[in-house]
Amino acid sequence: MTSSEPQRIAKLLARAGIASRREIERMIADRRIAIDGIAVETPATLLTSLDGVTVDGKPVRPPKAARLFRFYKPNGVLTTERDPKGRKTIYDVIPKGLPRLVPVGRLDFNTEGLLLMTTDGGLKRALELPATGVPRTYRARAFGQVTQAQLEDLIDGIEIEGVRYGSIDANMERRTGANVWVEMTLTEGKNREVRRVLEYLGLEVSRLIRTSYGPFQLAGLEKGQIAEVDRNDLFHFRRALGA
């Protein structure tokens, strides 16, 4: 892999699908990454290519074309590579034999639904950046009372305990007894945003499902299943995204 402009080694390795930037920083601290046999001291090391770079003594291969997968993350699973407490992670659920995949954003431990996963660190970052404005849609089952008018007010955004949440397109799907189903589409994806907004409205969320991320849908997947996005669809999406 070559580039006319020097880039940080952590960025180049992430784009090559080795791991997330944060994980690469840990690998560098553990002296697992070297250049021409000499351990890298800092993730800020600048390179124009990955020639001579090794991870655990193995040469880094040039990155292949980006691939994107739709994964139905079950409830009760962490979006992380490992957990010190021994809890189940997405990597315990994803079928074996797939290329090295990194998650696009996160879903909370108790949130289920669509989690995009990719082989390309650059695509991951482009999908996560608030500036790109990729919409995410959730369905929430909650206990309590709320009106459609209250939900429609969220289109102007809301501030909760000093945190400003941007425009949310929210609609009541149906009411079943004491529970209500609400669909919400947002673009920021701040930590626990859907739960905090609904709790602010007096609702107690009992189930939260992400149903789409950009043009990619959860539909057709069962819990724990994963499916690759068509390469042509990914190409057109990346071109529209500018990634």
Protein backbone atom coordinates (compact mmCIF):
# COMPACT_ATOMS: atom_id res chain seq x y z
CA MET A 1 0.00 0.00 0.00
CA THR A 2 1.41 3.37 -0.96
CA SER A 3 0.32 6.95 -0.47
CA SER A 4 1.73 10.31 -1.56
CA GLU A 5 1.11 11.76 1.90
CA PRO A 6 2.54 10.28 5.11
CA GLN A 7 -0.13 8.94 7.45
CA ARG A 8 -0.14 7.64 11.00
CA ILE A 9 0.64 3.96 11.27
CA ALA A 10 -2.48 3.41 13.38
CA LYS A 11 -4.64 4.80 10.57
CA LEU A 12 -2.91 2.73 7.88
CA LEU A 13 -3.24 -0.47 9.91
CA ALA A 14 -6.89 0.22 10.61
CA ARG A 15 -7.53 0.75 6.91
CA ALA A 16 -5.76 -2.54 6.23
CA GLY A 17 -8.29 -4.22 8.51
CA ILE A 18 -5.84 -5.24 11.24
CA ALA A 19 -7.94 -3.80 14.10
CA SER A 20 -9.58 -0.59 15.27
CA ARG A 21 -7.29 2.38 15.92
CA ARG A 22 -7.81 2.01 19.65
CA GLU A 23 -6.88 -1.67 19.55
CA ILE A 24 -3.84 -0.89 17.38
CA GLU A 25 -2.69 1.62 19.99
CA ARG A 26 -2.86 -1.16 22.59
CA MET A 27 -0.94 -3.48 20.27
CA ILE A 28 1.77 -0.86 19.85
CA ALA A 29 1.97 -0.41 23.63
CA ASP A 30 2.41 -4.20 23.89
CA ARG A 31 5.23 -3.99 21.29
CA ARG A 32 3.41 -6.31 18.90
CA ILE A 33 3.93 -4.05 15.88
CA ALA A 34 7.32 -3.49 14.27
CA ILE A 35 8.94 -1.84 11.25
CA ASP A 36 11.87 -3.77 9.79
CA GLY A 37 12.07 -5.70 13.02
CA ILE A 38 12.15 -2.67 15.32
CA ALA A 39 9.15 -2.25 17.64
CA VAL A 40 7.01 0.82 16.96
CA GLU A 41 7.03 3.23 19.89
CA THR A 42 4.01 5.41 19.09
CA PRO A 43 0.80 5.20 17.04
CA ALA A 44 1.66 8.66 15.70
CA THR A 45 4.53 7.19 13.64
CA LEU A 46 4.19 8.51 10.08
CA LEU A 47 4.50 6.22 7.05
CA THR A 48 3.75 6.36 3.35
CA SER A 49 3.26 2.59 3.10
CA LEU A 50 3.04 -0.55 5.19
CA ASP A 51 6.15 -2.05 3.59
CA GLY A 52 8.25 -3.73 6.27
CA VAL A 53 5.49 -3.50 8.91
CA THR A 54 4.78 -6.65 10.87
CA VAL A 55 2.16 -7.59 13.46
CA ASP A 56 3.22 -10.36 15.83
CA GLY A 57 6.10 -11.02 13.44
CA LYS A 58 3.88 -11.46 10.38
CA PRO A 59 4.04 -9.05 7.43
CA VAL A 60 0.98 -6.87 6.91
CA ARG A 61 -0.68 -7.56 3.59
CA PRO A 62 -1.90 -4.67 1.43
CA PRO A 63 -5.55 -3.92 2.11
CA LYS A 64 -8.13 -5.61 -0.06
CA ALA A 65 -11.28 -3.95 -1.36
CA ALA A 66 -13.56 -2.86 1.47
CA ARG A 67 -16.30 -5.27 2.47
CA LEU A 68 -19.38 -4.50 4.55
CA PHE A 69 -21.61 -6.90 6.46
CA ARG A 70 -25.02 -6.65 8.12
CA PHE A 71 -25.08 -8.38 11.51
CA TYR A 72 -28.08 -8.90 13.79
CA LYS A 73 -26.59 -8.26 17.21
CA PRO A 74 -28.61 -10.04 19.89
CA ASN A 75 -29.55 -8.48 23.20
CA GLY A 76 -27.08 -9.22 26.01
CA VAL A 77 -23.95 -9.10 23.84
CA LEU A 78 -21.15 -6.51 24.06
CA THR A 79 -19.91 -4.59 21.03
CA THR A 80 -16.26 -5.10 21.84
CA GLU A 81 -13.47 -7.57 21.11
CA ARG A 82 -13.04 -8.82 24.65
CA ASP A 83 -14.54 -8.22 28.09
CA PRO A 84 -12.56 -8.41 31.36
CA LYS A 85 -15.70 -9.70 33.08
CA GLY A 86 -16.02 -12.57 30.63
CA ARG A 87 -19.34 -11.47 29.18
CA LYS A 88 -20.29 -12.57 25.68
CA THR A 89 -19.14 -10.27 22.86
CA ILE A 90 -20.14 -9.96 19.22
CA TYR A 91 -17.06 -11.98 18.28
CA ASP A 92 -18.41 -14.92 20.26
CA VAL A 93 -21.58 -14.81 18.14
CA ILE A 94 -20.31 -14.04 14.64
CA PRO A 95 -19.69 -17.20 12.60
CA LYS A 96 -16.09 -18.31 12.18
CA GLY A 97 -14.23 -18.15 8.89
CA LEU A 98 -14.99 -14.51 8.08
CA PRO A 99 -12.32 -11.85 7.43
CA ARG A 100 -11.25 -9.57 10.26
CA LEU A 101 -14.28 -7.32 10.89
CA VAL A 102 -14.63 -4.17 12.98
CA PRO A 103 -18.00 -2.76 14.09
CA VAL A 104 -19.36 0.52 12.77
CA GLY A 105 -20.26 2.36 15.96
CA ARG A 106 -21.73 0.45 18.87
CA LEU A 107 -24.95 -0.97 20.18
CA ASP A 108 -25.47 -1.07 23.95
CA PHE A 109 -25.37 -4.39 25.80
CA ASN A 110 -29.18 -4.39 26.05
CA THR A 111 -29.83 -3.09 22.52
CA GLU A 112 -30.32 -5.49 19.63
CA GLY A 113 -30.55 -5.13 15.89
CA LEU A 114 -28.47 -4.02 12.94
CA LEU A 115 -24.75 -3.64 13.51
CA LEU A 116 -22.70 -2.93 10.42
CA MET A 117 -19.26 -4.52 10.34
CA THR A 118 -16.48 -3.84 7.86
CA THR A 119 -12.98 -4.86 6.86
CA ASP A 120 -12.01 -1.23 6.21
CA GLY A 121 -11.15 1.28 8.94
CA GLY A 122 -11.67 4.25 6.62
CA LEU A 123 -15.20 3.15 5.75
CA LYS A 124 -15.93 2.58 9.44
CA ARG A 125 -14.88 6.13 10.30
CA ALA A 126 -16.85 7.67 7.43
CA LEU A 127 -20.00 5.86 8.53
CA GLU A 128 -19.56 6.93 12.15
CA LEU A 129 -18.77 10.62 11.69
CA PRO A 130 -21.69 12.89 12.64
CA ALA A 131 -20.71 15.18 9.77
CA THR A 132 -21.73 12.55 7.22
CA GLY A 133 -25.25 12.49 8.66
CA VAL A 134 -25.98 8.82 8.01
CA PRO A 135 -29.48 8.17 9.44
CA ARG A 136 -30.09 5.36 11.93
CA THR A 137 -33.58 4.05 12.65
CA TYR A 138 -34.68 2.35 15.88
CA ARG A 139 -37.86 0.74 17.14
CA ALA A 140 -38.46 0.99 20.88
CA ARG A 141 -41.01 -0.75 23.06
CA ALA A 142 -41.66 1.31 26.14
CA PHE A 143 -43.95 1.43 29.14
CA GLY A 144 -45.77 4.67 29.84
CA GLN A 145 -47.77 7.43 28.22
CA VAL A 146 -46.63 9.68 25.38
CA THR A 147 -48.44 11.60 22.66
CA GLN A 148 -47.63 11.90 18.98
CA ALA A 149 -47.36 15.66 19.52
CA GLN A 150 -44.59 15.13 22.09
CA LEU A 151 -42.75 12.88 19.67
CA GLU A 152 -43.11 15.35 16.82
CA ASP A 153 -41.53 18.06 18.96
CA LEU A 154 -38.29 16.06 18.83
CA ILE A 155 -37.81 17.12 15.22
CA ASP A 156 -36.40 20.39 16.62
CA GLY A 157 -33.94 18.56 18.86
CA ILE A 158 -33.89 18.53 22.65
CA GLU A 159 -31.53 19.34 25.52
CA ILE A 160 -31.31 16.94 28.46
CA GLU A 161 -29.11 17.71 31.46
CA GLY A 162 -26.89 19.99 29.41
CA VAL A 163 -26.54 17.59 26.48
CA ARG A 164 -28.00 18.74 23.17
CA TYR A 165 -29.53 16.08 20.95
CA GLY A 166 -30.16 16.97 17.32
CA SER A 167 -33.27 16.51 15.22
CA ILE A 168 -35.11 13.21 15.73
CA ASP A 169 -37.94 12.02 13.49
CA ALA A 170 -40.15 10.09 15.94
CA ASN A 171 -43.52 8.44 15.39
CA MET A 172 -45.82 6.27 17.46
CA GLU A 173 -46.32 2.94 15.70
CA ARG A 174 -48.92 1.37 17.94
CA ARG A 175 -50.02 0.90 21.53
CA THR A 176 -50.40 -2.55 23.08
CA GLY A 177 -51.90 -2.32 26.56
CA ALA A 178 -49.59 -0.29 28.77
CA ASN A 179 -46.79 -0.39 26.19
CA VAL A 180 -46.15 1.73 23.14
CA TRP A 181 -43.96 1.08 20.11
CA VAL A 182 -42.06 4.15 18.86
CA GLU A 183 -39.94 4.46 15.72
CA MET A 184 -37.12 7.01 15.80
CA THR A 185 -34.69 8.12 13.08
CA LEU A 186 -31.63 10.18 14.01
CA THR A 187 -28.22 11.03 12.60
CA GLU A 188 -25.99 11.78 15.59
CA GLY A 189 -26.09 8.50 17.48
CA LYS A 190 -24.79 9.85 20.79
CA ASN A 191 -24.29 7.42 23.66
CA ARG A 192 -27.65 5.95 24.77
CA GLU A 193 -29.43 8.72 22.87
CA VAL A 194 -32.70 6.90 22.16
CA ARG A 195 -33.07 5.62 25.72
CA ARG A 196 -32.28 8.98 27.29
CA VAL A 197 -34.70 10.88 25.10
CA LEU A 198 -37.54 8.45 25.74
CA GLU A 199 -36.82 8.34 29.46
CA TYR A 200 -36.93 12.13 29.48
CA LEU A 201 -40.43 11.86 28.02
CA GLY A 202 -41.41 9.58 30.91
CA LEU A 203 -41.13 6.25 29.13
CA GLU A 204 -39.39 3.11 30.40
CA VAL A 205 -37.74 1.31 27.49
CA SER A 206 -38.04 -2.48 27.65
CA ARG A 207 -36.78 -3.36 24.17
CA LEU A 208 -34.70 -1.40 21.66
CA ILE A 209 -33.96 -2.57 18.12
CA ARG A 210 -31.93 -0.80 15.46
CA THR A 211 -33.63 -1.56 12.16
CA SER A 212 -31.51 0.37 9.67
CA TYR A 213 -28.24 2.26 9.22
CA GLY A 214 -28.28 4.40 6.10
CA PRO A 215 -29.73 2.32 3.25
CA PHE A 216 -28.85 -0.96 4.96
CA GLN A 217 -31.70 -2.82 6.63
CA LEU A 218 -32.03 -5.42 9.39
CA ALA A 219 -34.82 -7.14 7.46
CA GLY A 220 -34.07 -10.70 6.44
CA LEU A 221 -31.71 -11.46 9.33
CA GLU A 222 -32.33 -13.58 12.41
CA LYS A 223 -30.55 -12.89 15.69
CA GLY A 224 -26.86 -13.76 15.38
CA GLN A 225 -26.95 -13.96 11.58
CA ILE A 226 -24.61 -12.01 9.32
CA ALA A 227 -24.79 -11.26 5.60
CA GLU A 228 -22.48 -9.38 3.26
CA VAL A 229 -23.68 -6.23 1.52
CA ASP A 230 -23.54 -6.51 -2.27
CA ARG A 231 -20.26 -5.02 -3.53
CA ASN A 232 -22.08 -2.95 -6.16
CA ASP A 233 -24.46 -1.51 -3.55
CA LEU A 234 -21.50 -0.67 -1.33
CA PHE A 235 -19.68 1.02 -4.22
CA HIS A 236 -22.63 3.30 -5.00
CA PHE A 237 -23.17 4.08 -1.30
CA ARG A 238 -19.52 5.02 -0.79
CA ARG A 239 -19.58 7.24 -3.83
CA ALA A 240 -22.67 9.04 -2.52
CA LEU A 241 -21.05 9.32 0.91
CA GLY A 242 -17.77 10.56 -0.51
CA ALA A 243 -15.85 7.87 1.37
